[in-house]
Protein backbone atom coordinates (compact mmCIF):
# COMPACT_ATOMS: atom_id res chain seq x y z
CA MET A 1 122.90 20.13 28.37
CA ASN A 2 120.28 18.53 30.62
CA PHE A 3 119.86 14.76 30.67
CA LEU A 4 117.13 14.75 33.32
CA PHE A 5 113.54 13.93 32.47
CA THR A 6 110.99 16.61 33.30
CA GLU A 7 108.54 16.32 36.15
CA GLU A 8 105.77 15.64 33.63
CA GLN A 9 107.80 12.84 32.03
CA ARG A 10 108.52 11.26 35.41
CA THR A 11 104.81 11.47 36.22
CA ILE A 12 104.00 9.69 32.96
CA ARG A 13 106.37 6.87 33.80
CA ALA A 14 104.89 6.51 37.28
CA ALA A 15 101.36 6.33 35.82
CA ILE A 16 102.42 3.64 33.35
CA GLU A 17 104.12 1.63 36.07
CA LYS A 18 100.91 1.79 38.13
CA ILE A 19 98.89 0.28 35.29
CA CYS A 20 101.50 -2.38 34.58
CA ALA A 21 101.52 -3.39 38.25
CA GLN A 22 98.00 -4.77 37.72
CA PHE A 23 99.46 -7.32 35.27
CA ASP A 24 102.07 -9.31 37.13
CA ASP A 25 104.58 -11.96 36.11
CA ALA A 26 101.97 -14.71 36.49
CA TYR A 27 99.73 -12.91 33.98
CA TRP A 28 102.46 -12.73 31.33
CA LEU A 29 103.64 -16.27 32.00
CA LYS A 30 100.11 -17.52 31.36
CA LYS A 31 99.86 -15.45 28.18
CA ASP A 32 103.20 -16.84 27.05
CA ARG A 33 102.01 -20.39 27.60
CA GLU A 34 98.45 -20.15 26.32
CA GLY A 35 98.50 -17.22 23.90
CA GLY A 36 95.53 -14.96 23.35
CA PHE A 37 95.68 -11.22 22.86
CA PRO A 38 96.02 -9.33 26.19
CA ALA A 39 92.74 -7.50 25.68
CA ASP A 40 92.37 -6.46 29.33
CA PHE A 41 95.88 -4.96 29.27
CA HIS A 42 95.06 -3.07 26.06
CA ALA A 43 91.75 -1.91 27.56
CA ALA A 44 93.45 -0.60 30.71
CA PHE A 45 95.65 1.69 28.63
CA ALA A 46 92.68 2.77 26.50
CA ARG A 47 90.62 3.52 29.59
CA ASP A 48 93.30 5.85 30.96
CA GLY A 49 93.80 7.55 27.59
CA TRP A 50 97.33 6.35 26.85
CA LEU A 51 96.77 4.78 23.43
CA GLY A 52 96.90 8.18 21.79
CA ILE A 53 99.83 9.56 23.75
CA ALA A 54 101.54 10.96 20.64
CA MET A 55 98.39 11.81 18.66
CA PRO A 56 96.85 15.30 18.34
CA GLN A 57 94.68 16.53 21.19
CA ASP A 58 92.05 17.70 18.70
CA TYR A 59 91.17 14.06 18.07
CA GLY A 60 91.37 12.82 21.64
CA GLY A 61 95.11 12.17 21.83
CA GLY A 62 97.64 13.29 24.37
CA GLY A 63 99.49 15.64 22.04
CA LEU A 64 102.84 14.55 23.46
CA GLY A 65 106.03 13.58 21.67
CA ILE A 66 107.87 10.44 20.73
CA THR A 67 110.06 11.04 23.79
CA GLU A 68 107.06 10.52 26.08
CA ALA A 69 105.88 7.60 23.97
CA ALA A 70 109.32 5.99 24.28
CA LEU A 71 109.23 6.49 28.05
CA MET A 72 105.87 4.75 28.13
CA MET A 73 106.98 1.80 26.00
CA GLN A 74 110.21 1.35 27.95
CA ALA A 75 108.29 1.32 31.22
CA ILE A 76 105.91 -1.33 29.86
CA ALA A 77 108.73 -3.63 28.76
CA GLU A 78 110.68 -2.97 31.96
CA SER A 79 107.68 -3.92 34.10
CA GLY A 80 108.15 -7.53 33.03
CA ALA A 81 105.53 -7.34 30.28
CA GLY A 82 108.39 -7.34 27.78
CA PHE A 83 107.51 -7.37 24.12
CA SER A 84 104.26 -9.21 24.83
CA GLY A 85 102.94 -6.07 26.50
CA ALA A 86 104.70 -3.52 24.33
CA SER A 87 103.63 -5.09 21.03
CA ALA A 88 99.99 -5.10 22.12
CA LEU A 89 100.07 -1.27 22.06
CA HIS A 90 102.92 -0.55 19.65
CA MET A 91 100.89 0.09 16.48
CA ASN A 92 98.79 2.75 18.20
CA ILE A 93 101.80 4.87 19.00
CA PHE A 94 103.54 5.17 15.65
CA GLY A 95 101.49 3.32 13.05
CA LEU A 96 98.99 5.98 12.06
CA HIS A 97 101.48 8.85 11.97
CA ALA A 98 101.08 8.97 8.20
CA VAL A 99 97.35 9.52 8.73
CA VAL A 100 98.06 12.28 11.24
CA VAL A 101 100.39 14.05 8.79
CA TYR A 102 98.73 13.37 5.44
CA GLY A 103 95.13 12.43 6.21
CA SER A 104 92.32 14.92 5.61
CA ASP A 105 90.49 16.50 8.54
CA GLU A 106 87.54 14.25 7.79
CA GLN A 107 89.75 11.16 7.86
CA LYS A 108 91.43 12.13 11.11
CA LYS A 109 88.05 12.74 12.74
CA ARG A 110 86.83 9.38 11.46
CA PHE A 111 89.93 7.26 12.12
CA LEU A 112 91.79 8.56 15.15
CA PRO A 113 89.22 8.80 18.00
CA PRO A 114 88.09 5.13 17.76
CA LEU A 115 91.71 3.96 17.74
CA ILE A 116 92.62 6.12 20.73
CA ALA A 117 89.54 4.91 22.62
CA GLY A 118 90.48 1.28 21.96
CA LYS A 119 87.33 0.62 19.94
CA ASP A 120 89.39 0.05 16.80
CA LYS A 121 92.54 -2.01 16.57
CA ALA A 122 94.84 -1.65 13.57
CA CYS A 123 97.55 -3.73 11.92
CA PHE A 124 100.36 -2.72 9.56
CA GLY A 125 100.10 -4.25 6.08
CA VAL A 126 103.40 -3.47 4.36
CA THR A 127 105.89 -6.37 4.43
CA GLU A 128 105.47 -9.10 1.81
CA PRO A 129 106.91 -12.63 1.56
CA ASN A 130 109.03 -12.05 -1.54
CA THR A 131 110.13 -8.45 -1.04
CA GLY A 132 111.22 -8.17 2.60
CA LEU A 133 112.82 -4.78 3.21
CA ASN A 134 112.73 -3.94 -0.51
CA THR A 135 109.37 -2.21 -0.07
CA ALA A 136 109.42 -0.57 -3.50
CA MET A 137 109.08 -4.00 -5.11
CA LEU A 138 105.92 -5.08 -3.28
CA LYS A 139 103.39 -6.98 -5.37
CA THR A 140 100.02 -6.25 -3.74
CA LYS A 141 97.86 -4.40 -6.29
CA ALA A 142 95.05 -1.89 -5.86
CA VAL A 143 93.02 -1.27 -9.02
CA ARG A 144 90.68 1.73 -9.17
CA ASP A 145 87.07 0.88 -9.98
CA GLY A 146 84.82 3.91 -9.69
CA ASP A 147 84.53 5.05 -6.10
CA HIS A 148 86.67 2.24 -4.69
CA TYR A 149 89.81 0.21 -5.26
CA VAL A 150 90.00 -3.57 -5.51
CA VAL A 151 93.02 -4.91 -3.64
CA SER A 152 94.62 -8.33 -4.08
CA GLY A 153 97.92 -9.62 -2.76
CA GLN A 154 99.69 -10.99 0.27
CA LYS A 155 101.34 -9.55 3.39
CA ILE A 156 103.43 -11.26 6.03
CA TRP A 157 104.51 -10.65 9.64
CA THR A 158 101.37 -8.61 10.10
CA THR A 159 101.11 -8.18 13.86
CA THR A 160 97.71 -8.47 15.61
CA ALA A 161 95.82 -9.22 12.38
CA GLN A 162 93.87 -11.90 14.26
CA VAL A 163 92.16 -9.29 16.42
CA THR A 164 92.16 -6.08 14.38
CA ASN A 165 89.31 -4.53 12.44
CA LYS A 166 91.50 -2.01 10.58
CA ILE A 167 94.59 -2.23 8.39
CA LEU A 168 97.09 0.39 7.24
CA LEU A 169 97.80 -0.99 3.81
CA LEU A 170 100.43 -0.16 1.20
CA ALA A 171 99.64 -1.35 -2.32
CA ARG A 172 100.77 -0.66 -5.86
CA THR A 173 98.32 1.39 -7.94
CA THR A 174 100.64 1.98 -10.91
CA PRO A 175 102.62 -0.89 -12.45
CA ILE A 176 106.29 -0.50 -11.67
CA GLU A 177 107.20 -0.49 -15.36
CA ASN A 178 105.08 2.65 -15.80
CA THR A 179 106.85 4.64 -13.08
CA GLN A 180 109.99 6.77 -13.20
CA ARG A 181 111.25 5.24 -9.94
CA PRO A 182 110.29 2.00 -8.18
CA ILE A 183 109.17 3.96 -5.10
CA ASP A 184 106.55 5.76 -7.19
CA GLY A 185 103.09 4.30 -7.80
CA LEU A 186 102.55 2.97 -4.25
CA THR A 187 99.40 4.13 -2.46
CA LEU A 188 98.52 4.08 1.23
CA PHE A 189 95.11 3.11 2.59
CA TYR A 190 93.58 2.83 6.05
CA THR A 191 90.53 0.65 5.77
CA ASP A 192 88.35 -2.10 7.21
CA MET A 193 89.56 -5.69 7.51
CA ASP A 194 86.63 -7.23 5.60
CA ARG A 195 87.09 -10.87 6.58
CA GLN A 196 85.11 -12.03 3.54
CA HIS A 197 88.01 -10.84 1.41
CA VAL A 198 90.87 -11.09 3.92
CA GLU A 199 92.24 -14.40 5.16
CA VAL A 200 94.59 -14.34 8.15
CA ARG A 201 96.84 -17.27 9.00
CA GLU A 202 98.82 -17.11 12.22
CA ILE A 203 102.54 -17.88 12.15
CA GLU A 204 103.73 -20.02 15.03
CA LYS A 205 106.85 -18.41 16.44
CA MET A 206 109.48 -18.64 19.15
CA GLY A 207 108.25 -15.95 21.52
CA ARG A 208 105.58 -13.33 22.21
CA LYS A 209 102.75 -15.81 21.84
CA ALA A 210 100.26 -13.32 23.30
CA VAL A 211 100.59 -11.04 20.26
CA ASP A 212 99.94 -12.81 16.99
CA SER A 213 102.01 -12.54 13.80
CA ASN A 214 100.38 -13.52 10.53
CA GLN A 215 100.27 -14.06 6.83
CA VAL A 216 97.46 -12.00 5.33
CA PHE A 217 95.84 -12.85 2.00
CA LEU A 218 93.81 -10.12 0.28
CA ASP A 219 91.43 -11.33 -2.42
CA GLY A 220 89.26 -8.66 -4.04
CA LEU A 221 89.14 -6.41 -0.96
CA LYS A 222 87.07 -3.32 -1.81
CA VAL A 223 88.59 -0.15 -0.39
CA PRO A 224 86.62 3.11 -0.72
CA VAL A 225 88.50 6.00 -2.29
CA THR A 226 87.68 7.91 0.90
CA ASP A 227 89.99 5.48 2.75
CA ARG A 228 92.99 6.48 0.62
CA ILE A 229 95.53 8.52 2.55
CA GLY A 230 96.81 11.49 0.59
CA GLU A 231 97.51 11.31 -3.12
CA GLU A 232 97.57 8.19 -5.21
CA GLY A 233 101.11 6.98 -5.85
CA LYS A 234 102.72 8.82 -2.91
CA GLY A 235 102.30 6.11 -0.30
CA PHE A 236 105.97 5.19 -0.03
CA HIS A 237 106.85 8.75 0.98
CA TYR A 238 104.01 8.80 3.51
CA ILE A 239 105.00 5.55 5.17
CA LEU A 240 108.53 6.85 5.74
CA HIS A 241 107.12 9.14 8.44
CA SER A 242 106.44 6.09 10.57
CA PHE A 243 109.91 4.55 10.27
CA ASN A 244 111.99 6.72 12.61
CA PRO A 245 109.40 6.76 15.43
CA GLU A 246 109.08 2.99 15.16
CA ARG A 247 112.83 2.49 15.47
CA VAL A 248 112.91 4.74 18.54
CA LEU A 249 110.06 2.87 20.22
CA VAL A 250 111.55 -0.54 19.48
CA ALA A 251 114.84 0.69 20.93
CA ALA A 252 113.10 1.88 24.10
CA GLU A 253 111.33 -1.46 24.43
CA ALA A 254 114.61 -3.36 23.98
CA VAL A 255 116.25 -1.26 26.68
CA GLY A 256 113.31 -1.91 28.99
CA LEU A 257 113.49 -5.65 28.40
CA GLY A 258 117.23 -5.65 29.01
CA LYS A 259 116.83 -3.68 32.23
CA VAL A 260 114.26 -6.01 33.76
CA ALA A 261 116.44 -9.01 32.87
CA LEU A 262 119.48 -7.32 34.41
CA LYS A 263 117.53 -6.42 37.56
CA ARG A 264 116.44 -10.03 38.01
CA ALA A 265 119.96 -11.30 37.39
CA ALA A 266 121.50 -8.96 39.97
CA ALA A 267 118.87 -9.92 42.54
CA TYR A 268 119.47 -13.63 41.92
CA ALA A 269 123.25 -13.16 42.15
CA LYS A 270 122.83 -11.66 45.62
CA GLU A 271 120.55 -14.46 46.82
CA ARG A 272 122.10 -17.57 45.26
CA ILE A 273 124.61 -19.15 47.63
CA VAL A 274 127.26 -21.52 46.27
CA PHE A 275 130.39 -22.57 48.21
CA ASP A 276 129.08 -20.62 51.20
CA ARG A 277 128.99 -17.24 49.43
CA PRO A 278 126.62 -15.40 47.09
CA ILE A 279 127.60 -15.93 43.47
CA GLY A 280 127.38 -12.15 42.99
CA GLN A 281 130.52 -11.83 45.10
CA ASN A 282 132.48 -13.44 42.28
CA GLN A 283 133.91 -11.11 39.65
CA ALA A 284 133.09 -13.64 36.95
CA ILE A 285 129.44 -12.87 37.74
CA GLN A 286 129.86 -9.18 38.60
CA HIS A 287 131.77 -8.03 35.56
CA PRO A 288 129.40 -9.26 32.82
CA LEU A 289 126.46 -7.71 34.69
CA ALA A 290 128.32 -4.42 35.03
CA GLU A 291 129.13 -4.46 31.30
CA ARG A 292 125.48 -5.05 30.45
CA TRP A 293 124.47 -2.06 32.61
CA MET A 294 126.86 0.19 30.72
CA GLU A 295 125.67 -1.07 27.34
CA LEU A 296 122.04 -0.50 28.26
CA GLU A 297 122.76 3.00 29.53
CA ALA A 298 124.58 3.90 26.30
CA ALA A 299 121.75 2.52 24.17
CA GLU A 300 119.22 4.42 26.27
CA LEU A 301 121.07 7.69 25.71
CA MET A 302 121.04 7.18 21.94
CA THR A 303 117.35 6.27 22.07
CA TYR A 304 116.35 9.49 23.80
CA LYS A 305 118.70 11.56 21.66
CA ALA A 306 116.88 10.22 18.59
CA ALA A 307 113.49 10.83 20.22
CA TRP A 308 114.46 14.41 21.13
CA LEU A 309 115.67 15.12 17.60
CA TYR A 310 112.43 13.76 16.16
CA ASP A 311 110.32 15.86 18.49
CA GLN A 312 112.37 18.92 17.55
CA GLN A 313 111.66 18.14 13.87
CA GLN A 314 115.36 17.64 13.24
CA PRO A 315 116.89 14.96 10.99
CA CYS A 316 117.21 11.79 13.05
CA GLY A 317 117.50 8.89 10.62
CA ALA A 318 121.03 7.95 11.68
CA GLU A 319 120.28 8.31 15.37
CA ALA A 320 116.99 6.38 15.20
CA ASN A 321 118.63 3.53 13.34
CA ALA A 322 121.66 3.55 15.64
CA ALA A 323 119.37 3.49 18.68
CA LYS A 324 117.50 0.48 17.36
CA TYR A 325 120.76 -1.35 16.61
CA LEU A 326 122.47 -0.54 19.90
CA ALA A 327 119.40 -1.25 22.02
CA GLY A 328 118.67 -4.51 20.20
CA GLU A 329 122.19 -5.74 20.87
CA ALA A 330 122.32 -4.45 24.45
CA GLY A 331 118.92 -5.89 25.31
CA PHE A 332 119.82 -9.28 23.90
CA ARG A 333 123.18 -9.39 25.69
CA ALA A 334 121.50 -8.43 28.97
CA CYS A 335 118.97 -11.25 28.60
CA GLU A 336 121.74 -13.69 27.65
CA THR A 337 123.83 -12.71 30.67
CA ALA A 338 120.77 -12.97 32.91
CA MET A 339 120.24 -16.50 31.62
CA LEU A 340 123.87 -17.42 32.31
CA THR A 341 123.76 -15.82 35.77
CA HIS A 342 120.76 -17.93 36.71
CA GLY A 343 122.40 -21.07 35.36
CA GLY A 344 119.94 -23.92 34.97
CA MET A 345 117.16 -21.96 36.66
CA GLY A 346 117.35 -19.37 33.91
CA TYR A 347 116.12 -22.10 31.60
CA ALA A 348 113.05 -22.66 33.78
CA LYS A 349 109.90 -20.77 32.85
CA GLU A 350 109.06 -19.87 36.46
CA PHE A 351 112.02 -17.47 36.61
CA HIS A 352 110.85 -15.63 33.44
CA ILE A 353 114.38 -15.16 32.07
CA GLU A 354 113.89 -17.66 29.27
CA ARG A 355 110.81 -15.71 28.15
CA TYR A 356 112.81 -12.50 28.07
CA PHE A 357 115.60 -14.29 26.21
CA ARG A 358 113.22 -15.46 23.49
CA GLU A 359 111.63 -12.04 23.14
CA ALA A 360 115.04 -10.35 22.99
CA MET A 361 115.45 -11.62 19.43
CA ILE A 362 112.56 -9.45 18.22
CA PRO A 363 114.33 -6.06 18.28
CA ARG A 364 117.37 -7.61 16.58
CA LEU A 365 115.23 -8.80 13.67
CA ALA A 366 112.49 -6.19 13.31
CA PRO A 367 111.48 -3.79 11.92
CA VAL A 368 114.78 -3.72 10.04
CA SER A 369 117.74 -6.05 10.24
CA SER A 370 120.96 -5.09 11.97
CA GLN A 371 122.84 -5.55 8.72
CA MET A 372 120.64 -3.06 6.87
CA ILE A 373 121.20 -0.53 9.64
CA LEU A 374 124.95 -0.94 9.28
CA CYS A 375 124.59 -0.42 5.54
CA PHE A 376 122.52 2.72 6.16
CA ILE A 377 125.07 4.20 8.56
CA ALA A 378 127.95 3.34 6.24
CA GLU A 379 126.27 5.02 3.28
CA LYS A 380 124.38 7.96 4.81
CA VAL A 381 126.77 8.91 7.63
CA LEU A 382 130.19 7.77 6.47
CA GLY A 383 129.62 8.48 2.78
CA LEU A 384 130.63 5.00 1.62
CA PRO A 385 129.27 3.51 -1.63
CA LYS A 386 125.84 1.91 -1.48
CA SER A 387 126.31 -1.84 -1.03
CA TYR A 388 122.90 -3.21 -1.96
């Protein structure tokens, strides 16, 4: 059993770190204060061909696995970019996997190269205000009218919808009462964000100001039949192919965020002198930092186990969910301990810890709650009765 990354994987990480070095702490602090999508950061990754790291080479992608994508996303977060940097690229890595698997050759030729080149930006239109994680009950409707569908409804927590020109959209094409199962009758589309029929309202939030989150209102949006992915009514099954990769990437990002917070905390503990000695000489400071290191290492192992299983086309639902849970908790605890290690200065923006601390809530909340992961593990792994 070999836990070492390959030479190619280490080279990938070094290349990502080189790009991230162009965007220092001052850059991300300004973005955190003022907002505004980090377009130059996004463009730098597009220019070097990284936006399609896990997409097929036939369409301009890197043809690599989720393991390499996770390495890339962890390195971004760990550079100090945190979730502000990672979320700017996140959708590219996993979001269109359903298109890769179920799209026609014509669709892949039409959709993938512009996304990989950074000419297109896409958002993920699935979650709705009144359904949450109960995706089968979503209310957005798509009604067939000749060679197009007319879509009306509402989405929420749609990341980057302020700046995107494309949307991966899940909508109901068959009324739920006319289906055998609630998960039937949902159809997946990848189409243009026609702003005449799409209203986007930004949600003010606690952290990650550089990457917008939104409510999206769809009113009579015309979607060509040629923008439908796969068969009508099978969209729920298609979208599942994005779930495990997303959990793995979020886990890697949470580990990266936790590691940069821990690194800063350890450095501060060595430099901060109180009572004529560095505070890092005190076990009350040392021990929590050591615990956080162990937690992050354990979460990282589960993350790359899940990534490896996915790349080997093995079942990985339990591992991907466990990775997201463990990394979310470990990343948050690392940021919390970093804040406490810094004391009052951890609360000051110039030390960046408070920004990490705010962003550390993201992987605990999204894309699935910790409680739902526990329910999943209890039911699917331990064989306990379904609780919801």
